[in-house]
PDB file of N, CA and C in Angstrom:
ATOM      1  N   MET A   1      37.626  51.253  13.812  1.00  0.00           N
ATOM      2  CA  MET A   1      37.670  49.933  13.096  1.00  0.00           C
ATOM      3  C   MET A   1      37.078  48.523  13.945  1.00  0.00           C
ATOM      4  N   TRP A   2      37.339  49.020  14.956  1.00  0.00           N
ATOM      5  CA  TRP A   2      36.636  47.363  15.490  1.00  0.00           C
ATOM      6  C   TRP A   2      34.811  46.952  15.322  1.00  0.00           C
ATOM      7  N   PRO A   3      34.304  48.136  14.976  1.00  0.00           N
ATOM      8  CA  PRO A   3      33.149  47.024  14.981  1.00  0.00           C
ATOM      9  C   PRO A   3      32.929  47.016  13.255  1.00  0.00           C
ATOM     10  N   PHE A   4      33.669  47.663  12.183  1.00  0.00           N
ATOM     11  CA  PHE A   4      33.754  47.202  10.924  1.00  0.00           C
ATOM     12  C   PHE A   4      33.868  45.759  10.950  1.00  0.00           C
ATOM     13  N   ARG A   5      35.103  45.441  11.976  1.00  0.00           N
ATOM     14  CA  ARG A   5      35.877  43.802  11.561  1.00  0.00           C
ATOM     15  C   ARG A   5      35.054  42.738  12.237  1.00  0.00           C
ATOM     16  N   SER A   6      33.937  43.060  13.593  1.00  0.00           N
ATOM     17  CA  SER A   6      33.034  42.360  14.093  1.00  0.00           C
ATOM     18  C   SER A   6      32.141  42.272  13.467  1.00  0.00           C
ATOM     19  N   VAL A   7      31.908  43.535  12.470  1.00  0.00           N
ATOM     20  CA  VAL A   7      30.750  43.083  11.643  1.00  0.00           C
ATOM     21  C   VAL A   7      30.880  42.099  10.189  1.00  0.00           C
ATOM     22  N   HIS A   8      31.753  42.247   9.834  1.00  0.00           N
ATOM     23  CA  HIS A   8      32.639  41.888   8.849  1.00  0.00           C
ATOM     24  C   HIS A   8      32.421  40.117   8.915  1.00  0.00           C
ATOM     25  N   LYS A   9      33.147  39.732  10.457  1.00  0.00           N
ATOM     26  CA  LYS A   9      33.400  38.273  10.830  1.00  0.00           C
ATOM     27  C   LYS A   9      31.906  37.930  10.788  1.00  0.00           C
ATOM     28  N   GLU A  10      30.698  38.593  11.229  1.00  0.00           N
ATOM     29  CA  GLU A  10      29.300  38.050  11.648  1.00  0.00           C
ATOM     30  C   GLU A  10      28.659  37.695  10.222  1.00  0.00           C
ATOM     31  N   TRP A  11      29.069  38.674   8.892  1.00  0.00           N
ATOM     32  CA  TRP A  11      28.889  38.609   8.301  1.00  0.00           C
ATOM     33  C   TRP A  11      29.061  37.455   7.198  1.00  0.00           C
ATOM     34  N   VAL A  12      30.355  36.920   7.303  1.00  0.00           N
ATOM     35  CA  VAL A  12      31.166  35.817   6.646  1.00  0.00           C
ATOM     36  C   VAL A  12      30.175  34.828   7.415  1.00  0.00           C
ATOM     37  N   SER A  13      30.631  35.238   8.621  1.00  0.00           N
ATOM     38  CA  SER A  13      30.162  33.864   9.536  1.00  0.00           C
ATOM     39  C   SER A  13      28.565  33.329   9.140  1.00  0.00           C
ATOM     40  N   LEU A  14      27.462  34.539   9.072  1.00  0.00           N
ATOM     41  CA  LEU A  14      26.364  33.810   8.442  1.00  0.00           C
ATOM     42  C   LEU A  14      26.348  33.490   6.862  1.00  0.00           C
ATOM     43  N   LYS A  15      26.922  34.093   6.174  1.00  0.00           N
ATOM     44  CA  LYS A  15      27.095  33.206   4.963  1.00  0.00           C
ATOM     45  C   LYS A  15      27.637  32.140   4.413  1.00  0.00           C
ATOM     46  N   GLU A  16      28.636  31.410   5.355  1.00  0.00           N
ATOM     47  CA  GLU A  16      29.173  30.287   5.376  1.00  0.00           C
ATOM     48  C   GLU A  16      27.800  29.657   5.882  1.00  0.00           C
ATOM     49  N   THR A  17      27.196  29.846   7.188  1.00  0.00           N
ATOM     50  CA  THR A  17      25.946  28.970   7.569  1.00  0.00           C
ATOM     51  C   THR A  17      24.744  28.656   6.581  1.00  0.00           C
ATOM     52  N   THR A  18      24.596  29.782   5.745  1.00  0.00           N
ATOM     53  CA  THR A  18      24.042  29.804   4.503  1.00  0.00           C
ATOM     54  C   THR A  18      24.043  29.080   3.358  1.00  0.00           C
ATOM     55  N   LYS A  19      25.202  28.860   3.245  1.00  0.00           N
ATOM     56  CA  LYS A  19      26.077  27.799   1.994  1.00  0.00           C
ATOM     57  C   LYS A  19      25.485  26.752   2.576  1.00  0.00           C
ATOM     58  N   ALA A  20      25.959  26.263   4.364  1.00  0.00           N
ATOM     59  CA  ALA A  20      26.306  24.691   4.788  1.00  0.00           C
ATOM     60  C   ALA A  20      24.641  24.812   4.451  1.00  0.00           C
ATOM     61  N   ILE A  21      23.546  25.374   4.747  1.00  0.00           N
ATOM     62  CA  ILE A  21      22.166  24.916   4.706  1.00  0.00           C
ATOM     63  C   ILE A  21      21.640  24.702   3.441  1.00  0.00           C
ATOM     64  N   GLN A  22      22.322  25.717   2.631  1.00  0.00           N
ATOM     65  CA  GLN A  22      21.446  24.935   1.075  1.00  0.00           C
ATOM     66  C   GLN A  22      22.323  24.123   0.587  1.00  0.00           C
ATOM     67  N   GLU A  23      23.234  23.363   1.011  1.00  0.00           N
ATOM     68  CA  GLU A  23      23.979  22.196   0.643  1.00  0.00           C
ATOM     69  C   GLU A  23      23.413  21.252   1.229  1.00  0.00           C
ATOM     70  N   GLU A  24      22.685  21.483   2.404  1.00  0.00           N
ATOM     71  CA  GLU A  24      21.993  20.118   2.700  1.00  0.00           C
ATOM     72  C   GLU A  24      20.909  20.140   2.160  1.00  0.00           C
ATOM     73  N   LEU A  25      20.149  21.244   2.164  1.00  0.00           N
ATOM     74  CA  LEU A  25      18.977  20.984   1.421  1.00  0.00           C
ATOM     75  C   LEU A  25      18.785  20.303   0.190  1.00  0.00           C
ATOM     76  N   VAL A  26      20.334  21.157  -0.257  1.00  0.00           N
ATOM     77  CA  VAL A  26      20.391  19.870  -1.971  1.00  0.00           C
ATOM     78  C   VAL A  26      20.471  18.441  -1.853  1.00  0.00           C
ATOM     79  N   GLN A  27      21.330  18.142  -0.626  1.00  0.00           N
ATOM     80  CA  GLN A  27      21.433  16.538  -0.749  1.00  0.00           C
ATOM     81  C   GLN A  27      19.799  16.341  -0.169  1.00  0.00           C
ATOM     82  N   GLN A  28      19.741  16.856   0.858  1.00  0.00           N
ATOM     83  CA  GLN A  28      17.980  16.118   1.370  1.00  0.00           C
ATOM     84  C   GLN A  28      17.322  15.900  -0.216  1.00  0.00           C
ATOM     85  N   ARG A  29      16.880  16.826  -0.630  1.00  0.00           N
ATOM     86  CA  ARG A  29      15.799  16.915  -1.948  1.00  0.00           C
ATOM     87  C   ARG A  29      16.698  15.801  -3.035  1.00  0.00           C
ATOM     88  N   THR A  30      17.966  15.755  -3.220  1.00  0.00           N
ATOM     89  CA  THR A  30      18.723  15.249  -3.684  1.00  0.00           C
ATOM     90  C   THR A  30      17.989  13.328  -3.215  1.00  0.00           C
ATOM     91  N   ASN A  31      18.097  12.966  -2.285  1.00  0.00           N
ATOM     92  CA  ASN A  31      17.880  11.984  -1.763  1.00  0.00           C
ATOM     93  C   ASN A  31      16.563  11.241  -1.382  1.00  0.00           C
ATOM     94  N   CYS A  32      15.717  12.488  -1.703  1.00  0.00           N
ATOM     95  CA  CYS A  32      14.459  12.723  -1.430  1.00  0.00           C
ATOM     96  C   CYS A  32      13.950  12.025  -2.531  1.00  0.00           C
ATOM     97  N   LEU A  33      14.047  12.711  -3.517  1.00  0.00           N
ATOM     98  CA  LEU A  33      14.057  11.937  -5.093  1.00  0.00           C
ATOM     99  C   LEU A  33      14.363  10.809  -5.470  1.00  0.00           C
ATOM    100  N   GLY A  34      15.768  10.402  -5.146  1.00  0.00           N
ATOM    101  CA  GLY A  34      16.016   9.310  -5.299  1.00  0.00           C
ATOM    102  C   GLY A  34      14.726   8.124  -4.583  1.00  0.00           C
ATOM    103  N   THR A  35      14.664   8.600  -3.739  1.00  0.00           N
ATOM    104  CA  THR A  35      13.784   7.537  -3.510  1.00  0.00           C
ATOM    105  C   THR A  35      12.582   6.999  -3.854  1.00  0.00           C
ATOM    106  N   LEU A  36      11.866   8.227  -4.235  1.00  0.00           N
ATOM    107  CA  LEU A  36      10.458   8.402  -5.064  1.00  0.00           C
ATOM    108  C   LEU A  36      10.841   7.839  -5.787  1.00  0.00           C
ATOM    109  N   GLN A  37      11.766   7.996  -7.024  1.00  0.00           N
ATOM    110  CA  GLN A  37      11.726   7.443  -8.427  1.00  0.00           C
ATOM    111  C   GLN A  37      11.972   6.031  -8.172  1.00  0.00           C
ATOM    112  N   HIS A  38      12.507   5.610  -6.539  1.00  0.00           N
ATOM    113  CA  HIS A  38      12.889   4.144  -6.692  1.00  0.00           C
ATOM    114  C   HIS A  38      11.373   3.663  -5.685  1.00  0.00           C
ATOM    115  N   GLN A  39      11.082   3.787  -5.171  1.00  0.00           N
ATOM    116  CA  GLN A  39       9.225   3.316  -4.564  1.00  0.00           C
ATOM    117  C   GLN A  39       8.830   3.616  -6.152  1.00  0.00           C
ATOM    118  N   GLY A  40       9.003   4.412  -6.621  1.00  0.00           N
ATOM    119  CA  GLY A  40       7.908   4.710  -8.172  1.00  0.00           C
ATOM    120  C   GLY A  40       8.243   3.410  -9.012  1.00  0.00           C
ATOM    121  N   ASP A  41       9.268   3.077  -9.383  1.00  0.00           N
ATOM    122  CA  ASP A  41       9.324   1.330  -9.950  1.00  0.00           C
ATOM    123  C   ASP A  41       9.031   0.442  -9.149  1.00  0.00           C
ATOM    124  N   ARG A  42       8.906   0.238  -8.206  1.00  0.00           N
ATOM    125  CA  ARG A  42       8.666  -0.533  -7.168  1.00  0.00           C
ATOM    126  C   ARG A  42       6.930  -0.585  -7.510  1.00  0.00           C
ATOM    127  N   GLN A  43       6.746   0.589  -7.384  1.00  0.00           N
ATOM    128  CA  GLN A  43       4.705   0.148  -7.153  1.00  0.00           C
ATOM    129  C   GLN A  43       4.327  -0.182  -8.934  1.00  0.00           C
ATOM    130  N   ILE A  44       5.014   0.623  -9.581  1.00  0.00           N
ATOM    131  CA  ILE A  44       4.765   0.191 -10.785  1.00  0.00           C
ATOM    132  C   ILE A  44       4.829  -1.399 -11.213  1.00  0.00           C
ATOM    133  N   GLU A  45       6.032  -2.403 -10.825  1.00  0.00           N
ATOM    134  CA  GLU A  45       6.296  -3.511 -10.670  1.00  0.00           C
ATOM    135  C   GLU A  45       5.223  -3.990  -9.752  1.00  0.00           C
ATOM    136  N   ILE A  46       4.671  -4.035  -8.512  1.00  0.00           N
ATOM    137  CA  ILE A  46       3.223  -4.534  -7.959  1.00  0.00           C
ATOM    138  C   ILE A  46       2.126  -4.315  -8.269  1.00  0.00           C
ATOM    139  N   LEU A  47       1.505  -3.084  -8.836  1.00  0.00           N
ATOM    140  CA  LEU A  47       0.644  -2.924  -9.582  1.00  0.00           C
ATOM    141  C   LEU A  47       0.430  -3.620 -10.819  1.00  0.00           C
ATOM    142  N   GLY A  48       1.480  -3.900 -11.475  1.00  0.00           N
ATOM    143  CA  GLY A  48       1.314  -4.887 -12.465  1.00  0.00           C
ATOM    144  C   GLY A  48       1.349  -6.537 -12.453  1.00  0.00           C
ATOM    145  N   LYS A  49       1.981  -6.767 -10.871  1.00  0.00           N
ATOM    146  CA  LYS A  49       1.574  -8.208 -10.236  1.00  0.00           C
ATOM    147  C   LYS A  49       0.032  -8.483  -9.765  1.00  0.00           C
ATOM    148  N   VAL A  50      -0.709  -6.859  -9.482  1.00  0.00           N
ATOM    149  CA  VAL A  50      -1.817  -7.200  -9.082  1.00  0.00           C
ATOM    150  C   VAL A  50      -2.795  -6.778  -9.905  1.00  0.00           C
ATOM    151  N   SER A  51      -2.319  -6.890 -10.898  1.00  0.00           N
ATOM    152  CA  SER A  51      -2.989  -6.666 -12.584  1.00  0.00           C
ATOM    153  C   SER A  51      -3.104  -8.118 -13.057  1.00  0.00           C
ATOM    154  N   ASP A  52      -2.214  -8.366 -12.577  1.00  0.00           N
ATOM    155  CA  ASP A  52      -2.233  -9.899 -13.044  1.00  0.00           C
ATOM    156  C   ASP A  52      -3.082 -11.165 -13.154  1.00  0.00           C
ATOM    157  N   THR A  53      -3.156 -10.878 -11.387  1.00  0.00           N
ATOM    158  CA  THR A  53      -3.577 -11.335 -10.524  1.00  0.00           C
ATOM    159  C   THR A  53      -5.110 -10.921 -10.905  1.00  0.00           C
ATOM    160  N   LEU A  54      -5.893 -10.401 -10.963  1.00  0.00           N
ATOM    161  CA  LEU A  54      -6.745  -9.797 -11.202  1.00  0.00           C
ATOM    162  C   LEU A  54      -7.424 -10.198 -11.848  1.00  0.00           C
ATOM    163  N   GLU A  55      -6.534 -10.563 -13.310  1.00  0.00           N
ATOM    164  CA  GLU A  55      -7.166 -11.096 -14.818  1.00  0.00           C
ATOM    165  C   GLU A  55      -7.187 -12.674 -14.262  1.00  0.00           C
ATOM    166  N   ASN A  56      -6.442 -13.249 -13.311  1.00  0.00           N
ATOM    167  CA  ASN A  56      -6.633 -14.237 -13.163  1.00  0.00           C
ATOM    168  C   ASN A  56      -7.907 -14.916 -12.799  1.00  0.00           C
ATOM    169  N   ILE A  57      -8.345 -13.906 -11.897  1.00  0.00           N
ATOM    170  CA  ILE A  57      -8.946 -14.203 -10.993  1.00  0.00           C
ATOM    171  C   ILE A  57     -10.265 -14.241 -11.835  1.00  0.00           C
ATOM    172  N   HIS A  58     -11.042 -12.906 -12.965  1.00  0.00           N
ATOM    173  CA  HIS A  58     -11.996 -12.621 -13.534  1.00  0.00           C
ATOM    174  C   HIS A  58     -11.349 -13.908 -14.511  1.00  0.00           C
ATOM    175  N   LEU A  59     -10.385 -14.323 -15.106  1.00  0.00           N
ATOM    176  CA  LEU A  59     -10.923 -15.910 -16.123  1.00  0.00           C
ATOM    177  C   LEU A  59     -11.757 -16.977 -14.764  1.00  0.00           C
ATOM    178  N   SER A  60     -11.006 -16.877 -13.783  1.00  0.00           N
ATOM    179  CA  SER A  60     -11.612 -18.180 -12.817  1.00  0.00           C
ATOM    180  C   SER A  60     -12.632 -18.168 -12.792  1.00  0.00           C
ATOM    181  N   GLN A  61     -13.391 -16.692 -12.130  1.00  0.00           N
ATOM    182  CA  GLN A  61     -14.873 -16.291 -12.428  1.00  0.00           C
ATOM    183  C   GLN A  61     -15.571 -16.379 -13.540  1.00  0.00           C
ATOM    184  N   ALA A  62     -14.974 -16.400 -14.608  1.00  0.00           N
ATOM    185  CA  ALA A  62     -16.172 -16.330 -15.476  1.00  0.00           C
ATOM    186  C   ALA A  62     -16.137 -18.209 -16.081  1.00  0.00           C
ATOM    187  N   GLU A  63     -14.869 -18.723 -15.801  1.00  0.00           N
ATOM    188  CA  GLU A  63     -15.116 -20.264 -16.016  1.00  0.00           C
ATOM    189  C   GLU A  63     -16.081 -20.813 -15.168  1.00  0.00           C
ATOM    190  N   MET A  64     -16.542 -20.737 -13.644  1.00  0.00           N
ATOM    191  CA  MET A  64     -16.829 -20.823 -12.880  1.00  0.00           C
ATOM    192  C   MET A  64     -18.742 -20.448 -13.171  1.00  0.00           C
ATOM    193  N   THR A  65     -18.726 -19.528 -13.409  1.00  0.00           N
ATOM    194  CA  THR A  65     -19.870 -18.689 -13.879  1.00  0.00           C
ATOM    195  C   THR A  65     -20.103 -19.619 -15.067  1.00  0.00           C
ATOM    196  N   GLY A  66     -19.744 -19.944 -15.888  1.00  0.00           N
ATOM    197  CA  GLY A  66     -20.277 -20.818 -17.415  1.00  0.00           C
ATOM    198  C   GLY A  66     -20.405 -21.817 -16.796  1.00  0.00           C
ATOM    199  N   TYR A  67     -19.577 -22.485 -15.877  1.00  0.00           N
ATOM    200  CA  TYR A  67     -20.197 -23.815 -15.242  1.00  0.00           C
ATOM    201  C   TYR A  67     -21.384 -24.441 -14.896  1.00  0.00           C
ATOM    202  N   CYS A  68     -21.832 -23.225 -14.427  1.00  0.00           N
ATOM    203  CA  CYS A  68     -22.700 -23.237 -13.216  1.00  0.00           C
ATOM    204  C   CYS A  68     -24.154 -22.490 -13.910  1.00  0.00           C
ATOM    205  N   LYS A  69     -24.150 -21.668 -15.010  1.00  0.00           N
ATOM    206  CA  LYS A  69     -24.645 -22.114 -16.131  1.00  0.00           C
ATOM    207  C   LYS A  69     -25.354 -23.491 -16.707  1.00  0.00           C
ATOM    208  N   ALA A  70     -23.881 -23.913 -16.837  1.00  0.00           N
ATOM    209  CA  ALA A  70     -24.304 -25.367 -17.829  1.00  0.00           C
ATOM    210  C   ALA A  70     -25.097 -26.060 -16.834  1.00  0.00           C
ATOM    211  N   ASN A  71     -24.274 -26.404 -15.719  1.00  0.00           N
ATOM    212  CA  ASN A  71     -25.134 -27.376 -14.752  1.00  0.00           C
ATOM    213  C   ASN A  71     -26.347 -26.897 -14.593  1.00  0.00           C
ATOM    214  N   SER A  72     -26.740 -25.774 -14.910  1.00  0.00           N
ATOM    215  CA  SER A  72     -28.338 -25.444 -14.024  1.00  0.00           C
ATOM    216  C   SER A  72     -29.164 -25.585 -15.548  1.00  0.00           C
ATOM    217  N   LEU A  73     -28.743 -25.680 -16.463  1.00  0.00           N
ATOM    218  CA  LEU A  73     -29.771 -25.779 -17.927  1.00  0.00           C
ATOM    219  C   LEU A  73     -29.402 -27.568 -17.977  1.00  0.00           C
ATOM    220  N   ALA A  74     -28.974 -27.902 -17.516  1.00  0.00           N
ATOM    221  CA  ALA A  74     -28.229 -29.753 -17.857  1.00  0.00           C
ATOM    222  C   ALA A  74     -29.317 -30.296 -17.110  1.00  0.00           C
ATOM    223  N   SER A  75     -29.736 -29.881 -15.241  1.00  0.00           N
ATOM    224  CA  SER A  75     -30.817 -29.939 -14.154  1.00  0.00           C
ATOM    225  C   SER A  75     -31.996 -29.659 -14.708  1.00  0.00           C
ATOM    226  N   SER A  76     -32.232 -28.243 -15.623  1.00  0.00           N
ATOM    227  CA  SER A  76     -33.163 -28.132 -15.944  1.00  0.00           C
ATOM    228  C   SER A  76     -34.324 -29.141 -17.252  1.00  0.00           C
ATOM    229  N   CYS A  77     -32.571 -29.783 -17.541  1.00  0.00           N
ATOM    230  CA  CYS A  77     -33.684 -30.082 -18.866  1.00  0.00           C
ATOM    231  C   CYS A  77     -34.050 -31.370 -18.844  1.00  0.00           C
ATOM    232  N   ARG A  78     -33.601 -32.353 -17.675  1.00  0.00           N
ATOM    233  CA  ARG A  78     -33.490 -33.662 -16.760  1.00  0.00           C
ATOM    234  C   ARG A  78     -35.042 -33.753 -17.081  1.00  0.00           C
ATOM    235  N   PRO A  79     -36.007 -35.123 -17.543  1.00  0.00           N
ATOM    236  CA  PRO A  79     -37.271 -35.397 -16.673  1.00  0.00           C
ATOM    237  C   PRO A  79     -37.262 -35.810 -15.572  1.00  0.00           C
ATOM    238  N   ARG A  80     -38.499 -34.510 -15.310  1.00  0.00           N
ATOM    239  CA  ARG A  80     -38.698 -35.288 -13.847  1.00  0.00           C
ATOM    240  C   ARG A  80     -39.223 -36.200 -13.445  1.00  0.00           C
ATOM    241  N   ALA A  81     -39.229 -36.833 -12.248  1.00  0.00           N
ATOM    242  CA  ALA A  81     -39.672 -38.109 -11.909  1.00  0.00           C
ATOM    243  C   ALA A  81     -41.440 -37.818 -11.828  1.00  0.00           C
ATOM    244  N   LYS A  82     -42.232 -38.784 -12.026  1.00  0.00           N
ATOM    245  CA  LYS A  82     -43.442 -38.647 -11.912  1.00  0.00           C
ATOM    246  C   LYS A  82     -44.360 -38.574 -10.818  1.00  0.00           C
ATOM    247  N   LYS A  83     -44.654 -37.710 -10.370  1.00  0.00           N
ATOM    248  CA  LYS A  83     -45.381 -38.224  -8.670  1.00  0.00           C
ATOM    249  C   LYS A  83     -46.262 -38.921  -8.504  1.00  0.00           C
ATOM    250  N   LYS A  84     -46.651 -39.746  -7.765  1.00  0.00           N
ATOM    251  CA  LYS A  84     -47.755 -40.778  -7.517  1.00  0.00           C
ATOM    252  C   LYS A  84     -48.611 -40.361  -6.651  1.00  0.00           C
TER     253      LYS A  84
END
């Protein structure tokens, strides 16, 4: 009977260890998924801000290009001074 009791105790110990490992893995997975979800929300917020900033830069660049074109057209339309 002694070997059977020893084997049974070892079997119970292994099952408890396996159960503890399973619980730890489930907890780690839950924490990881929660962190990824939180980071995803933050990344979406940051990408929205970047998009707004780039849109403003694009508008500023379009205004500057228009100003430069108008300025170059105005300077080319001026009468040139006569050379002596």
